[in-house]
Amino acid sequence: MGGTDWDFDRSEDESQKVVGEIQLRMYGQFLEKYSLQLQEIKDALENNKRDFWDMSIDPASLQRAVEESFTAIKSDVGKNVLLAEELHLYLKISLNTLESKFTEQLDFESAELWVKLSSLYILNFNLFGTSDKRMNKQLLEFSKKIPSVTLYGNVLWYPEHFLVTHLPHMNKLIDKKAQQSAMLTRQNYLQQKSQSLQKNTQTFIFQWSRYGLVASKNGEG
């Protein structure tokens, strides 16, 4: 009797092991397919990079170039339910994290994350056609707090305009009156930043000078 019980337990353990191996193999196949599809997206963007720069002064041409980049792969990638779920979960967690530390004085890393998440949200919409009401609201609330972000040098990014341009359904959430109000808010925001530029520059110079003194003292010690 004891031998029978032991054989049964061993058989059950072996069955669980087989099931685990199958699940692991399936997950490995999913990761491989997922990686290939991400690589296809990257290659499509790389192939059109030169066109993006050449047509950067024509928003309509730039939009068409982006759409054409995904024409060949959208039918396959758009059917990947697991990829859609992974992207949605990543966006949800990342936006919630960003929301918890979003202030009117956003640090560089958070601002960079905001730009990337907005771009990824639009990519997700174009690939899978999905939109989330809470995420829409979060992105719009972010743009109300900080209506402009410096990408590089004097290149500015306007989040509200970016969302309305690339997400058609956003026009239903932001009417013309709200868009005009957003534009006025953006102008006031940029004016305030311009007026405080000299003060902020002096503050940064003081901070770096102080850091240099502390670093040199520590080096001597």
N, C-alpha and C. Protein backbone atom coordinates (compact mmCIF):
# COMPACT_ATOMS: atom_id res chain seq x y z
N MET A 1 0.84 -1.21 0.00
CA MET A 1 0.00 0.00 0.00
C MET A 1 0.87 1.25 0.00
N GLY A 2 1.91 1.23 0.88
CA GLY A 2 2.81 2.37 0.95
C GLY A 2 3.53 2.59 -0.37
N GLY A 3 3.92 1.44 -1.02
CA GLY A 3 4.60 1.56 -2.30
C GLY A 3 3.70 2.18 -3.35
N THR A 4 2.42 1.84 -3.30
CA THR A 4 1.46 2.38 -4.27
C THR A 4 1.32 3.89 -4.11
N ASP A 5 1.23 4.33 -2.82
CA ASP A 5 1.12 5.76 -2.55
C ASP A 5 2.35 6.50 -3.04
N TRP A 6 3.50 5.89 -2.82
CA TRP A 6 4.76 6.53 -3.24
C TRP A 6 4.82 6.64 -4.76
N ASP A 7 4.39 5.56 -5.45
CA ASP A 7 4.37 5.58 -6.91
C ASP A 7 3.42 6.65 -7.42
N PHE A 8 2.28 6.81 -6.73
CA PHE A 8 1.29 7.81 -7.14
C PHE A 8 1.85 9.22 -6.99
N ASP A 9 2.54 9.46 -5.84
CA ASP A 9 3.14 10.78 -5.61
C ASP A 9 4.21 11.08 -6.63
N ARG A 10 5.01 10.05 -6.93
CA ARG A 10 6.08 10.25 -7.90
C ARG A 10 5.50 10.55 -9.28
N SER A 11 4.41 9.84 -9.63
CA SER A 11 3.76 10.07 -10.91
C SER A 11 3.19 11.49 -11.00
N GLU A 12 2.63 11.95 -9.87
CA GLU A 12 2.05 13.30 -9.84
C GLU A 12 3.15 14.36 -9.97
N ASP A 13 4.29 14.12 -9.29
CA ASP A 13 5.42 15.05 -9.38
C ASP A 13 5.94 15.13 -10.81
N GLU A 14 6.04 13.97 -11.46
CA GLU A 14 6.53 13.94 -12.84
C GLU A 14 5.57 14.66 -13.77
N SER A 15 4.26 14.52 -13.52
CA SER A 15 3.26 15.20 -14.35
C SER A 15 3.39 16.71 -14.21
N GLN A 16 3.57 17.15 -12.95
CA GLN A 16 3.74 18.58 -12.71
C GLN A 16 5.01 19.11 -13.37
N LYS A 17 6.05 18.28 -13.35
CA LYS A 17 7.30 18.67 -13.97
C LYS A 17 7.14 18.83 -15.48
N VAL A 18 6.40 17.90 -16.09
CA VAL A 18 6.15 17.95 -17.53
C VAL A 18 5.35 19.20 -17.88
N VAL A 19 4.30 19.46 -17.07
CA VAL A 19 3.47 20.64 -17.31
C VAL A 19 4.31 21.92 -17.18
N GLY A 20 5.17 21.94 -16.16
CA GLY A 20 6.04 23.10 -15.95
C GLY A 20 6.98 23.32 -17.13
N GLU A 21 7.53 22.21 -17.65
CA GLU A 21 8.44 22.31 -18.79
C GLU A 21 7.71 22.83 -20.02
N ILE A 22 6.48 22.36 -20.21
CA ILE A 22 5.67 22.81 -21.36
C ILE A 22 5.37 24.30 -21.25
N GLN A 23 4.97 24.73 -20.04
CA GLN A 23 4.67 26.14 -19.82
C GLN A 23 5.90 27.01 -20.04
N LEU A 24 7.06 26.51 -19.54
CA LEU A 24 8.31 27.25 -19.71
C LEU A 24 8.68 27.37 -21.18
N ARG A 25 8.47 26.26 -21.92
CA ARG A 25 8.78 26.27 -23.35
C ARG A 25 7.86 27.24 -24.10
N MET A 26 6.57 27.24 -23.73
CA MET A 26 5.61 28.14 -24.37
C MET A 26 5.95 29.60 -24.08
N TYR A 27 6.37 29.86 -22.83
CA TYR A 27 6.73 31.22 -22.46
C TYR A 27 7.99 31.67 -23.22
N GLY A 28 8.92 30.72 -23.39
CA GLY A 28 10.13 31.02 -24.14
C GLY A 28 9.81 31.36 -25.59
N GLN A 29 8.85 30.60 -26.18
CA GLN A 29 8.43 30.87 -27.55
C GLN A 29 7.77 32.24 -27.66
N PHE A 30 6.97 32.58 -26.61
CA PHE A 30 6.31 33.90 -26.61
C PHE A 30 7.35 35.01 -26.56
N LEU A 31 8.37 34.86 -25.69
CA LEU A 31 9.40 35.88 -25.57
C LEU A 31 10.17 36.03 -26.88
N GLU A 32 10.43 34.89 -27.53
CA GLU A 32 11.15 34.93 -28.80
C GLU A 32 10.34 35.68 -29.86
N LYS A 33 9.04 35.35 -29.94
CA LYS A 33 8.17 36.02 -30.92
C LYS A 33 8.01 37.49 -30.58
N TYR A 34 7.89 37.77 -29.28
CA TYR A 34 7.73 39.15 -28.80
C TYR A 34 8.97 39.97 -29.17
N SER A 35 10.16 39.38 -28.97
CA SER A 35 11.41 40.07 -29.29
C SER A 35 11.53 40.33 -30.79
N LEU A 36 11.12 39.34 -31.59
CA LEU A 36 11.18 39.50 -33.04
C LEU A 36 10.28 40.63 -33.52
N GLN A 37 9.08 40.70 -32.93
CA GLN A 37 8.14 41.75 -33.34
C GLN A 37 8.64 43.13 -32.92
N LEU A 38 9.24 43.22 -31.74
CA LEU A 38 9.82 44.49 -31.32
C LEU A 38 10.97 44.89 -32.24
N GLN A 39 11.75 43.90 -32.68
CA GLN A 39 12.85 44.17 -33.60
C GLN A 39 12.33 44.66 -34.94
N GLU A 40 11.19 44.08 -35.39
CA GLU A 40 10.58 44.52 -36.65
C GLU A 40 10.15 45.98 -36.56
N ILE A 41 9.58 46.34 -35.40
CA ILE A 41 9.18 47.73 -35.19
C ILE A 41 10.40 48.65 -35.23
N LYS A 42 11.47 48.22 -34.55
CA LYS A 42 12.70 49.02 -34.51
C LYS A 42 13.29 49.17 -35.91
N ASP A 43 13.33 48.06 -36.68
CA ASP A 43 13.88 48.11 -38.03
C ASP A 43 13.07 49.03 -38.93
N ALA A 44 11.73 48.97 -38.77
CA ALA A 44 10.86 49.82 -39.58
C ALA A 44 11.14 51.30 -39.31
N LEU A 45 11.34 51.62 -38.05
CA LEU A 45 11.65 53.00 -37.68
C LEU A 45 13.03 53.41 -38.18
N GLU A 46 14.00 52.50 -38.07
CA GLU A 46 15.36 52.80 -38.52
C GLU A 46 15.40 53.05 -40.02
N ASN A 47 14.63 52.25 -40.79
CA ASN A 47 14.61 52.39 -42.24
C ASN A 47 14.03 53.72 -42.69
N ASN A 48 13.16 54.28 -41.85
CA ASN A 48 12.51 55.54 -42.22
C ASN A 48 13.08 56.74 -41.48
N LYS A 49 14.16 56.52 -40.72
CA LYS A 49 14.72 57.60 -39.91
C LYS A 49 15.12 58.79 -40.77
N ARG A 50 15.77 58.53 -41.91
CA ARG A 50 16.22 59.63 -42.76
C ARG A 50 15.03 60.41 -43.30
N ASP A 51 13.97 59.69 -43.66
CA ASP A 51 12.77 60.37 -44.15
C ASP A 51 12.16 61.25 -43.07
N PHE A 52 12.20 60.79 -41.82
CA PHE A 52 11.65 61.59 -40.72
C PHE A 52 12.37 62.94 -40.64
N TRP A 53 13.71 62.89 -40.70
CA TRP A 53 14.46 64.14 -40.59
C TRP A 53 14.22 65.04 -41.80
N ASP A 54 14.16 64.45 -43.00
CA ASP A 54 13.98 65.24 -44.21
C ASP A 54 12.62 65.93 -44.24
N MET A 55 11.61 65.29 -43.62
CA MET A 55 10.25 65.83 -43.70
C MET A 55 9.79 66.41 -42.37
N SER A 56 10.74 66.73 -41.49
CA SER A 56 10.36 67.19 -40.16
C SER A 56 9.60 68.51 -40.19
N ILE A 57 9.78 69.32 -41.25
CA ILE A 57 9.07 70.59 -41.31
C ILE A 57 7.67 70.43 -41.89
N ASP A 58 7.33 69.23 -42.31
CA ASP A 58 6.00 68.97 -42.85
C ASP A 58 5.32 67.92 -41.97
N PRO A 59 4.51 68.32 -41.00
CA PRO A 59 3.88 67.37 -40.07
C PRO A 59 3.06 66.31 -40.77
N ALA A 60 2.36 66.68 -41.85
CA ALA A 60 1.52 65.72 -42.56
C ALA A 60 2.37 64.60 -43.18
N SER A 61 3.49 64.98 -43.78
CA SER A 61 4.38 63.99 -44.39
C SER A 61 5.01 63.10 -43.32
N LEU A 62 5.36 63.72 -42.20
CA LEU A 62 5.93 62.96 -41.09
C LEU A 62 4.93 61.93 -40.57
N GLN A 63 3.66 62.34 -40.45
CA GLN A 63 2.62 61.43 -39.98
C GLN A 63 2.45 60.26 -40.94
N ARG A 64 2.47 60.55 -42.25
CA ARG A 64 2.33 59.47 -43.24
C ARG A 64 3.51 58.52 -43.18
N ALA A 65 4.71 59.07 -42.96
CA ALA A 65 5.90 58.22 -42.87
C ALA A 65 5.80 57.27 -41.70
N VAL A 66 5.29 57.77 -40.57
CA VAL A 66 5.12 56.92 -39.38
C VAL A 66 4.11 55.82 -39.66
N GLU A 67 2.99 56.18 -40.29
CA GLU A 67 1.94 55.19 -40.59
C GLU A 67 2.44 54.13 -41.56
N GLU A 68 3.20 54.56 -42.57
CA GLU A 68 3.72 53.61 -43.56
C GLU A 68 4.73 52.65 -42.94
N SER A 69 5.41 53.09 -41.88
CA SER A 69 6.40 52.24 -41.22
C SER A 69 5.76 50.98 -40.65
N PHE A 70 4.49 51.08 -40.26
CA PHE A 70 3.83 49.96 -39.60
C PHE A 70 2.85 49.22 -40.50
N THR A 71 2.74 49.66 -41.76
CA THR A 71 1.77 49.03 -42.66
C THR A 71 2.06 47.54 -42.83
N ALA A 72 3.35 47.20 -43.01
CA ALA A 72 3.71 45.82 -43.29
C ALA A 72 3.62 44.91 -42.07
N ILE A 73 3.80 45.46 -40.89
CA ILE A 73 3.86 44.62 -39.69
C ILE A 73 2.63 44.73 -38.80
N LYS A 74 1.79 45.74 -39.06
CA LYS A 74 0.66 45.99 -38.17
C LYS A 74 -0.31 44.82 -38.12
N SER A 75 -0.53 44.17 -39.28
CA SER A 75 -1.48 43.06 -39.32
C SER A 75 -1.04 41.91 -38.42
N ASP A 76 0.27 41.65 -38.36
CA ASP A 76 0.77 40.57 -37.52
C ASP A 76 0.88 40.99 -36.05
N VAL A 77 1.48 42.14 -35.82
CA VAL A 77 1.68 42.60 -34.45
C VAL A 77 0.35 42.89 -33.77
N GLY A 78 -0.60 43.43 -34.53
CA GLY A 78 -1.90 43.78 -33.97
C GLY A 78 -2.68 42.60 -33.46
N LYS A 79 -2.31 41.39 -33.89
CA LYS A 79 -3.01 40.18 -33.45
C LYS A 79 -2.38 39.58 -32.18
N ASN A 80 -1.27 40.12 -31.77
CA ASN A 80 -0.57 39.58 -30.60
C ASN A 80 -1.23 40.11 -29.32
N VAL A 81 -2.14 39.33 -28.79
CA VAL A 81 -2.89 39.74 -27.60
C VAL A 81 -1.97 39.90 -26.39
N LEU A 82 -1.01 38.99 -26.25
CA LEU A 82 -0.10 39.05 -25.10
C LEU A 82 0.75 40.32 -25.13
N LEU A 83 1.21 40.69 -26.32
CA LEU A 83 1.99 41.91 -26.46
C LEU A 83 1.14 43.13 -26.09
N ALA A 84 -0.10 43.13 -26.54
CA ALA A 84 -1.02 44.23 -26.22
C ALA A 84 -1.23 44.34 -24.71
N GLU A 85 -1.40 43.20 -24.06
CA GLU A 85 -1.60 43.21 -22.61
C GLU A 85 -0.35 43.69 -21.88
N GLU A 86 0.82 43.26 -22.35
CA GLU A 86 2.08 43.67 -21.72
C GLU A 86 2.28 45.18 -21.84
N LEU A 87 2.01 45.73 -23.02
CA LEU A 87 2.17 47.16 -23.23
C LEU A 87 1.18 47.96 -22.37
N HIS A 88 -0.05 47.46 -22.31
CA HIS A 88 -1.07 48.14 -21.52
C HIS A 88 -0.70 48.14 -20.03
N LEU A 89 -0.22 47.01 -19.55
CA LEU A 89 0.18 46.91 -18.14
C LEU A 89 1.36 47.82 -17.84
N TYR A 90 2.33 47.84 -18.75
CA TYR A 90 3.50 48.70 -18.55
C TYR A 90 3.09 50.17 -18.51
N LEU A 91 2.22 50.57 -19.43
CA LEU A 91 1.75 51.96 -19.46
C LEU A 91 0.99 52.31 -18.19
N LYS A 92 0.15 51.39 -17.74
CA LYS A 92 -0.65 51.63 -16.54
C LYS A 92 0.24 51.85 -15.32
N ILE A 93 1.20 50.95 -15.11
CA ILE A 93 2.09 51.04 -13.96
C ILE A 93 2.97 52.29 -14.04
N SER A 94 3.52 52.55 -15.22
CA SER A 94 4.44 53.68 -15.39
C SER A 94 3.72 55.02 -15.22
N LEU A 95 2.51 55.14 -15.76
CA LEU A 95 1.76 56.39 -15.62
C LEU A 95 1.34 56.63 -14.17
N ASN A 96 0.98 55.57 -13.47
CA ASN A 96 0.63 55.71 -12.05
C ASN A 96 1.85 56.14 -11.24
N THR A 97 3.01 55.57 -11.57
CA THR A 97 4.25 55.96 -10.89
C THR A 97 4.59 57.42 -11.16
N LEU A 98 4.45 57.81 -12.42
CA LEU A 98 4.73 59.20 -12.80
C LEU A 98 3.75 60.16 -12.14
N GLU A 99 2.49 59.75 -12.04
CA GLU A 99 1.46 60.59 -11.44
C GLU A 99 1.77 60.87 -9.96
N SER A 100 2.34 59.89 -9.29
CA SER A 100 2.62 60.03 -7.85
C SER A 100 3.70 61.07 -7.56
N LYS A 101 4.54 61.38 -8.54
CA LYS A 101 5.61 62.36 -8.30
C LYS A 101 5.56 63.52 -9.29
N PHE A 102 4.39 63.70 -9.90
CA PHE A 102 4.24 64.77 -10.89
C PHE A 102 3.96 66.09 -10.19
N THR A 103 4.84 67.06 -10.37
CA THR A 103 4.68 68.40 -9.79
C THR A 103 4.96 69.43 -10.88
N GLU A 104 4.80 70.68 -10.53
CA GLU A 104 5.07 71.75 -11.49
C GLU A 104 6.56 71.94 -11.73
N GLN A 105 7.40 71.33 -10.89
CA GLN A 105 8.85 71.36 -11.08
C GLN A 105 9.32 69.94 -11.36
N LEU A 106 9.06 69.46 -12.55
CA LEU A 106 9.37 68.08 -12.91
C LEU A 106 10.85 67.93 -13.22
N ASP A 107 11.49 66.92 -12.63
CA ASP A 107 12.91 66.70 -12.89
C ASP A 107 13.10 66.13 -14.30
N PHE A 108 14.34 66.16 -14.77
CA PHE A 108 14.62 65.78 -16.16
C PHE A 108 14.21 64.34 -16.46
N GLU A 109 14.53 63.42 -15.57
CA GLU A 109 14.21 62.01 -15.81
C GLU A 109 12.71 61.78 -15.91
N SER A 110 11.93 62.44 -15.04
CA SER A 110 10.48 62.29 -15.08
C SER A 110 9.90 62.91 -16.34
N ALA A 111 10.44 64.05 -16.76
CA ALA A 111 9.98 64.69 -17.99
C ALA A 111 10.28 63.81 -19.20
N GLU A 112 11.46 63.20 -19.19
CA GLU A 112 11.84 62.30 -20.28
C GLU A 112 10.92 61.09 -20.31
N LEU A 113 10.59 60.55 -19.14
CA LEU A 113 9.68 59.42 -19.05
C LEU A 113 8.30 59.80 -19.56
N TRP A 114 7.86 61.00 -19.25
CA TRP A 114 6.55 61.49 -19.70
C TRP A 114 6.48 61.52 -21.22
N VAL A 115 7.53 62.02 -21.87
CA VAL A 115 7.58 62.08 -23.33
C VAL A 115 7.54 60.66 -23.92
N LYS A 116 8.32 59.76 -23.33
CA LYS A 116 8.38 58.38 -23.83
C LYS A 116 7.05 57.67 -23.66
N LEU A 117 6.40 57.86 -22.51
CA LEU A 117 5.12 57.20 -22.26
C LEU A 117 4.04 57.72 -23.19
N SER A 118 4.05 59.02 -23.45
CA SER A 118 3.08 59.59 -24.39
C SER A 118 3.27 59.01 -25.78
N SER A 119 4.52 58.88 -26.20
CA SER A 119 4.82 58.31 -27.51
C SER A 119 4.43 56.84 -27.56
N LEU A 120 4.73 56.11 -26.49
CA LEU A 120 4.39 54.69 -26.44
C LEU A 120 2.88 54.49 -26.42
N TYR A 121 2.16 55.38 -25.75
CA TYR A 121 0.70 55.28 -25.70
C TYR A 121 0.11 55.45 -27.10
N ILE A 122 0.66 56.37 -27.88
CA ILE A 122 0.20 56.58 -29.25
C ILE A 122 0.59 55.39 -30.13
N LEU A 123 1.78 54.85 -29.92
CA LEU A 123 2.19 53.65 -30.64
C LEU A 123 1.25 52.50 -30.33
N ASN A 124 0.91 52.33 -29.07
CA ASN A 124 -0.01 51.28 -28.65
C ASN A 124 -1.37 51.44 -29.32
N PHE A 125 -1.84 52.68 -29.42
CA PHE A 125 -3.13 52.95 -30.07
C PHE A 125 -3.08 52.61 -31.55
N ASN A 126 -1.98 52.97 -32.21
CA ASN A 126 -1.86 52.72 -33.65
C ASN A 126 -1.69 51.24 -33.97
N LEU A 127 -1.06 50.50 -33.07
CA LEU A 127 -0.86 49.06 -33.30
C LEU A 127 -2.10 48.25 -32.98
N PHE A 128 -2.73 48.55 -31.86
CA PHE A 128 -3.83 47.70 -31.37
C PHE A 128 -5.19 48.39 -31.34
N GLY A 129 -5.21 49.71 -31.59
CA GLY A 129 -6.48 50.43 -31.63
C GLY A 129 -7.16 50.54 -30.28
N THR A 130 -6.41 50.38 -29.20
CA THR A 130 -7.00 50.43 -27.85
C THR A 130 -6.72 51.78 -27.19
N SER A 131 -7.69 52.22 -26.40
CA SER A 131 -7.56 53.48 -25.68
C SER A 131 -8.13 53.30 -24.28
N ASP A 132 -7.49 53.91 -23.31
CA ASP A 132 -7.90 53.77 -21.92
C ASP A 132 -8.33 55.14 -21.37
N LYS A 133 -9.54 55.23 -20.84
CA LYS A 133 -10.08 56.51 -20.37
C LYS A 133 -9.22 57.11 -19.25
N ARG A 134 -8.80 56.26 -18.32
CA ARG A 134 -7.99 56.76 -17.21
C ARG A 134 -6.65 57.29 -17.70
N MET A 135 -6.02 56.57 -18.64
CA MET A 135 -4.74 57.03 -19.17
C MET A 135 -4.91 58.33 -19.95
N ASN A 136 -6.01 58.44 -20.70
CA ASN A 136 -6.29 59.69 -21.41
C ASN A 136 -6.35 60.85 -20.43
N LYS A 137 -7.07 60.63 -19.34
CA LYS A 137 -7.24 61.68 -18.33
C LYS A 137 -5.91 62.02 -17.67
N GLN A 138 -5.11 60.99 -17.37
CA GLN A 138 -3.81 61.23 -16.73
C GLN A 138 -2.91 62.09 -17.62
N LEU A 139 -2.84 61.72 -18.90
CA LEU A 139 -1.98 62.45 -19.83
C LEU A 139 -2.43 63.90 -20.00
N LEU A 140 -3.75 64.11 -20.04
CA LEU A 140 -4.27 65.46 -20.17
C LEU A 140 -4.01 66.29 -18.91
N GLU A 141 -4.14 65.65 -17.75
CA GLU A 141 -3.87 66.35 -16.49
C GLU A 141 -2.40 66.74 -16.39
N PHE A 142 -1.52 65.85 -16.88
CA PHE A 142 -0.09 66.17 -16.89
C PHE A 142 0.16 67.44 -17.72
N SER A 143 -0.48 67.49 -18.90
CA SER A 143 -0.25 68.61 -19.82
C SER A 143 -0.79 69.92 -19.26
N LYS A 144 -1.79 69.84 -18.37
CA LYS A 144 -2.31 71.06 -17.74
C LYS A 144 -1.31 71.62 -16.73
N LYS A 145 -0.63 70.73 -16.02
CA LYS A 145 0.35 71.16 -15.02
C LYS A 145 1.61 71.70 -15.67
N ILE A 146 2.08 70.98 -16.70
CA ILE A 146 3.28 71.42 -17.42
C ILE A 146 2.97 71.37 -18.91
N PRO A 147 2.59 72.50 -19.51
CA PRO A 147 2.17 72.53 -20.91
C PRO A 147 3.30 72.50 -21.93
N SER A 148 4.55 72.50 -21.47
CA SER A 148 5.67 72.50 -22.41
C SER A 148 6.88 71.83 -21.77
N VAL A 149 7.60 71.04 -22.59
CA VAL A 149 8.80 70.35 -22.11
C VAL A 149 9.94 70.59 -23.10
N THR A 150 11.10 70.94 -22.59
CA THR A 150 12.27 71.13 -23.45
C THR A 150 12.90 69.77 -23.76
N LEU A 151 12.94 69.42 -25.05
CA LEU A 151 13.53 68.15 -25.46
C LEU A 151 15.04 68.27 -25.60
N TYR A 152 15.46 69.32 -26.32
CA TYR A 152 16.90 69.52 -26.54
C TYR A 152 17.12 70.95 -27.02
N GLY A 153 18.04 71.65 -26.39
CA GLY A 153 18.31 73.02 -26.81
C GLY A 153 17.05 73.88 -26.74
N ASN A 154 16.66 74.42 -27.91
CA ASN A 154 15.45 75.23 -27.97
C ASN A 154 14.28 74.47 -28.61
N VAL A 155 14.38 73.15 -28.64
CA VAL A 155 13.30 72.31 -29.19
C VAL A 155 12.30 72.01 -28.07
N LEU A 156 11.07 72.47 -28.24
CA LEU A 156 10.04 72.29 -27.23
C LEU A 156 8.99 71.28 -27.68
N TRP A 157 8.44 70.59 -26.71
CA TRP A 157 7.38 69.60 -26.95
C TRP A 157 6.13 70.05 -26.21
N TYR A 158 5.01 70.14 -26.97
CA TYR A 158 3.73 70.53 -26.38
C TYR A 158 2.85 69.30 -26.24
N PRO A 159 2.74 68.73 -25.05
CA PRO A 159 2.04 67.46 -24.85
C PRO A 159 0.58 67.46 -25.29
N GLU A 160 -0.15 68.52 -24.96
CA GLU A 160 -1.57 68.57 -25.31
C GLU A 160 -1.75 68.57 -26.83
N HIS A 161 -0.94 69.36 -27.53
CA HIS A 161 -1.01 69.41 -29.00
C HIS A 161 -0.59 68.08 -29.60
N PHE A 162 0.40 67.45 -29.01
CA PHE A 162 0.89 66.15 -29.47
C PHE A 162 -0.21 65.09 -29.39
N LEU A 163 -0.93 65.06 -28.28
CA LEU A 163 -1.99 64.07 -28.09
C LEU A 163 -3.15 64.31 -29.04
N VAL A 164 -3.56 65.56 -29.18
CA VAL A 164 -4.70 65.88 -30.05
C VAL A 164 -4.36 65.57 -31.51
N THR A 165 -3.11 65.80 -31.89
CA THR A 165 -2.70 65.58 -33.28
C THR A 165 -2.68 64.10 -33.64
N HIS A 166 -2.21 63.26 -32.73
CA HIS A 166 -2.00 61.85 -33.05
C HIS A 166 -3.07 60.91 -32.51
N LEU A 167 -3.97 61.41 -31.67
CA LEU A 167 -5.07 60.58 -31.16
C LEU A 167 -6.40 61.26 -31.51
N PRO A 168 -7.06 60.81 -32.57
CA PRO A 168 -8.30 61.45 -33.03
C PRO A 168 -9.36 61.58 -31.95
N HIS A 169 -9.50 60.56 -31.10
CA HIS A 169 -10.55 60.60 -30.09
C HIS A 169 -10.31 61.66 -29.01
N MET A 170 -9.09 62.20 -28.95
CA MET A 170 -8.80 63.23 -27.96
C MET A 170 -9.56 64.53 -28.26
N ASN A 171 -9.92 64.72 -29.54
CA ASN A 171 -10.68 65.92 -29.90
C ASN A 171 -12.04 65.95 -29.22
N LYS A 172 -12.56 64.77 -28.88
CA LYS A 172 -13.85 64.70 -28.19
C LYS A 172 -13.70 65.10 -26.72
N LEU A 173 -12.50 64.89 -26.19
CA LEU A 173 -12.25 65.24 -24.79
C LEU A 173 -11.82 66.69 -24.64
N ILE A 174 -11.23 67.24 -25.71
CA ILE A 174 -10.76 68.63 -25.67
C ILE A 174 -11.43 69.41 -26.80
N ASP A 175 -12.42 70.21 -26.50
CA ASP A 175 -13.08 71.00 -27.53
C ASP A 175 -12.21 72.21 -27.90
N LYS A 176 -12.67 73.00 -28.87
CA LYS A 176 -11.88 74.12 -29.35
C LYS A 176 -11.62 75.15 -28.25
N LYS A 177 -12.63 75.36 -27.41
CA LYS A 177 -12.48 76.33 -26.33
C LYS A 177 -11.39 75.88 -25.36
N ALA A 178 -11.39 74.57 -25.06
CA ALA A 178 -10.38 74.03 -24.16
C ALA A 178 -8.99 74.10 -24.79
N GLN A 179 -8.91 73.88 -26.11
CA GLN A 179 -7.64 73.96 -26.81
C GLN A 179 -7.09 75.38 -26.79
N GLN A 180 -7.98 76.37 -26.97
CA GLN A 180 -7.56 77.77 -26.91
C GLN A 180 -7.07 78.13 -25.51
N SER A 181 -7.78 77.60 -24.51
CA SER A 181 -7.37 77.82 -23.12
C SER A 181 -6.00 77.20 -22.86
N ALA A 182 -5.79 75.99 -23.41
CA ALA A 182 -4.50 75.30 -23.24
C ALA A 182 -3.37 76.10 -23.90
N MET A 183 -3.66 76.68 -25.06
CA MET A 183 -2.66 77.48 -25.76
C MET A 183 -2.28 78.72 -24.95
N LEU A 184 -3.30 79.37 -24.34
CA LEU A 184 -3.04 80.54 -23.52
C LEU A 184 -2.23 80.17 -22.27
N THR A 185 -2.58 79.03 -21.68
CA THR A 185 -1.84 78.54 -20.51
C THR A 185 -0.39 78.26 -20.87
N ARG A 186 -0.18 77.68 -22.05
CA ARG A 186 1.17 77.37 -22.51
C ARG A 186 1.98 78.65 -22.71
N GLN A 187 1.37 79.67 -23.31
CA GLN A 187 2.06 80.93 -23.54
C GLN A 187 2.46 81.59 -22.22
N ASN A 188 1.54 81.57 -21.26
CA ASN A 188 1.84 82.14 -19.94
C ASN A 188 2.95 81.36 -19.24
N TYR A 189 2.91 80.04 -19.39
CA TYR A 189 3.92 79.18 -18.77
C TYR A 189 5.30 79.49 -19.34
N LEU A 190 5.38 79.61 -20.67
CA LEU A 190 6.66 79.90 -21.32
C LEU A 190 7.16 81.30 -20.96
N GLN A 191 6.23 82.24 -20.82
CA GLN A 191 6.61 83.60 -20.44
C GLN A 191 7.19 83.63 -19.03
N GLN A 192 6.55 82.88 -18.12
CA GLN A 192 7.06 82.81 -16.75
C GLN A 192 8.44 82.17 -16.70
N LYS A 193 8.62 81.11 -17.49
CA LYS A 193 9.92 80.44 -17.55
C LYS A 193 10.99 81.38 -18.10
N SER A 194 10.61 82.16 -19.10
CA SER A 194 11.56 83.09 -19.70
C SER A 194 11.97 84.16 -18.70
N GLN A 195 11.02 84.65 -17.93
CA GLN A 195 11.30 85.69 -16.94
C GLN A 195 12.17 85.19 -15.80
N SER A 196 12.02 83.91 -15.47
CA SER A 196 12.78 83.35 -14.35
C SER A 196 14.08 82.67 -14.80
N LEU A 197 14.39 82.79 -16.10
CA LEU A 197 15.57 82.11 -16.64
C LEU A 197 16.86 82.58 -15.98
N GLN A 198 17.02 83.89 -15.85
CA GLN A 198 18.26 84.43 -15.26
C GLN A 198 18.42 83.97 -13.81
N LYS A 199 17.33 84.02 -13.06
CA LYS A 199 17.37 83.59 -11.66
C LYS A 199 17.72 82.11 -11.55
N ASN A 200 17.09 81.29 -12.39
CA ASN A 200 17.36 79.84 -12.36
C ASN A 200 18.80 79.54 -12.76
N THR A 201 19.30 80.30 -13.75
CA THR A 201 20.69 80.11 -14.19
C THR A 201 21.66 80.41 -13.06
N GLN A 202 21.42 81.49 -12.34
CA GLN A 202 22.28 81.85 -11.21
C GLN A 202 22.22 80.78 -10.11
N THR A 203 21.03 80.24 -9.90
CA THR A 203 20.88 79.18 -8.90
C THR A 203 21.67 77.94 -9.28
N PHE A 204 21.60 77.56 -10.57
CA PHE A 204 22.34 76.38 -11.04
C PHE A 204 23.84 76.60 -10.94
N ILE A 205 24.30 77.81 -11.28
CA ILE A 205 25.72 78.13 -11.19
C ILE A 205 26.20 78.00 -9.74
N PHE A 206 25.40 78.52 -8.82
CA PHE A 206 25.74 78.43 -7.40
C PHE A 206 25.80 76.98 -6.94
N GLN A 207 24.82 76.17 -7.37
CA GLN A 207 24.79 74.76 -6.97
C GLN A 207 26.00 74.01 -7.50
N TRP A 208 26.37 74.26 -8.77
CA TRP A 208 27.51 73.57 -9.35
C TRP A 208 28.82 74.03 -8.71
N SER A 209 28.90 75.32 -8.40
CA SER A 209 30.11 75.83 -7.75
C SER A 209 30.27 75.19 -6.37
N ARG A 210 29.17 75.10 -5.66
CA ARG A 210 29.20 74.49 -4.33
C ARG A 210 29.59 73.01 -4.43
N TYR A 211 29.03 72.34 -5.44
CA TYR A 211 29.36 70.92 -5.65
C TYR A 211 30.85 70.76 -5.96
N GLY A 212 31.39 71.69 -6.79
CA GLY A 212 32.81 71.62 -7.13
C GLY A 212 33.70 71.81 -5.91
N LEU A 213 33.33 72.73 -5.03
CA LEU A 213 34.12 72.96 -3.81
C LEU A 213 34.09 71.74 -2.90
N VAL A 214 32.90 71.16 -2.72
CA VAL A 214 32.77 69.97 -1.87
C VAL A 214 33.57 68.81 -2.45
N ALA A 215 33.49 68.64 -3.77
CA ALA A 215 34.21 67.54 -4.43
C ALA A 215 35.72 67.71 -4.29
N SER A 216 36.20 68.96 -4.45
CA SER A 216 37.64 69.21 -4.34
C SER A 216 38.15 68.98 -2.92
N LYS A 217 37.34 69.37 -1.92
CA LYS A 217 37.72 69.14 -0.53
C LYS A 217 37.78 67.65 -0.22
N ASN A 218 36.79 66.91 -0.71
CA ASN A 218 36.79 65.46 -0.49
C ASN A 218 37.98 64.80 -1.18
N GLY A 219 38.37 65.36 -2.34
CA GLY A 219 39.52 64.82 -3.06
C GLY A 219 40.82 65.06 -2.31
N GLU A 220 40.92 66.23 -1.69
CA GLU A 220 42.12 66.54 -0.91
C GLU A 220 42.21 65.68 0.34
N GLY A 221 41.00 65.37 0.91
CA GLY A 221 41.00 64.54 2.13
C GLY A 221 41.36 63.12 1.82
